[in-house]
Amino acid sequence: MIFAVYAMAIDKYIEVVWETAVRKHRIAELRTLIDQALDERDEEIFYRYSTELKRLRKGE
């Protein structure tokens, strides 16, 4: 019984770590894409990626 609870806790911890890593990677990627959009003066792409970045940052 205790092993099952321990295993579930470890699984949840791994899930949180994984989701955090994926979110941080996507945030870094979006910052690069936003910079590129600014360099290229692509307003549509800038707003699309900025909106996604805002959404991800709310989850932090």
Protein backbone atom coordinates (compact mmCIF):
# COMPACT_ATOMS: atom_id res chain seq x y z
CA MET A 1 0.00 0.00 0.00
CA ILE A 2 2.70 2.50 0.96
CA PHE A 3 4.69 1.57 -2.14
CA ALA A 4 1.68 2.37 -4.34
CA VAL A 5 1.25 5.80 -2.74
CA TYR A 6 4.97 6.46 -3.07
CA ALA A 7 4.90 5.41 -6.73
CA MET A 8 1.94 7.70 -7.42
CA ALA A 9 3.75 10.62 -5.76
CA ILE A 10 6.86 10.00 -7.86
CA ASP A 11 4.76 9.78 -11.03
CA LYS A 12 3.10 13.11 -10.23
CA TYR A 13 6.47 14.72 -9.48
CA ILE A 14 7.89 13.49 -12.79
CA GLU A 15 4.82 14.82 -14.62
CA VAL A 16 5.21 18.28 -13.05
CA VAL A 17 8.94 18.40 -13.82
CA TRP A 18 8.31 17.33 -17.42
CA GLU A 19 5.53 19.89 -17.97
CA THR A 20 7.69 22.64 -16.48
CA ALA A 21 10.62 21.75 -18.74
CA VAL A 22 8.42 21.67 -21.84
CA ARG A 23 6.82 25.03 -20.93
CA LYS A 24 10.22 26.67 -20.32
CA HIS A 25 11.53 25.33 -23.63
CA ARG A 26 8.49 26.66 -25.50
CA ILE A 27 8.84 30.07 -23.81
CA ALA A 28 12.47 30.30 -24.94
CA GLU A 29 11.46 29.22 -28.44
CA LEU A 30 8.67 31.82 -28.55
CA ARG A 31 11.05 34.59 -27.51
CA THR A 32 13.30 33.71 -30.44
CA LEU A 33 10.35 33.60 -32.83
CA ILE A 34 9.06 36.94 -31.54
CA ASP A 35 12.49 38.50 -32.09
CA GLN A 36 12.51 37.14 -35.65
CA ALA A 37 9.03 38.51 -36.27
CA LEU A 38 10.16 41.93 -35.05
CA ASP A 39 13.25 41.80 -37.26
CA GLU A 40 11.07 40.91 -40.25
CA ARG A 41 8.36 43.40 -39.24
CA ASP A 42 5.77 40.62 -39.37
CA GLU A 43 2.99 42.00 -37.21
CA GLU A 44 0.65 39.00 -37.54
CA ILE A 45 3.29 36.48 -36.44
CA PHE A 46 4.44 38.81 -33.65
CA TYR A 47 0.94 39.00 -32.16
CA ARG A 48 0.32 35.27 -32.57
CA TYR A 49 3.49 34.30 -30.70
CA SER A 50 3.10 37.08 -28.13
CA THR A 51 -0.39 35.84 -27.30
CA GLU A 52 0.88 32.29 -26.85
CA LEU A 53 3.75 33.56 -24.69
CA LYS A 54 1.33 35.47 -22.44
CA ARG A 55 -0.82 32.36 -22.08
CA LEU A 56 2.17 30.21 -21.10
CA ARG A 57 3.48 32.79 -18.63
CA LYS A 58 0.14 32.84 -16.81
CA GLY A 59 0.70 29.14 -16.07
CA GLU A 60 4.01 29.80 -14.33
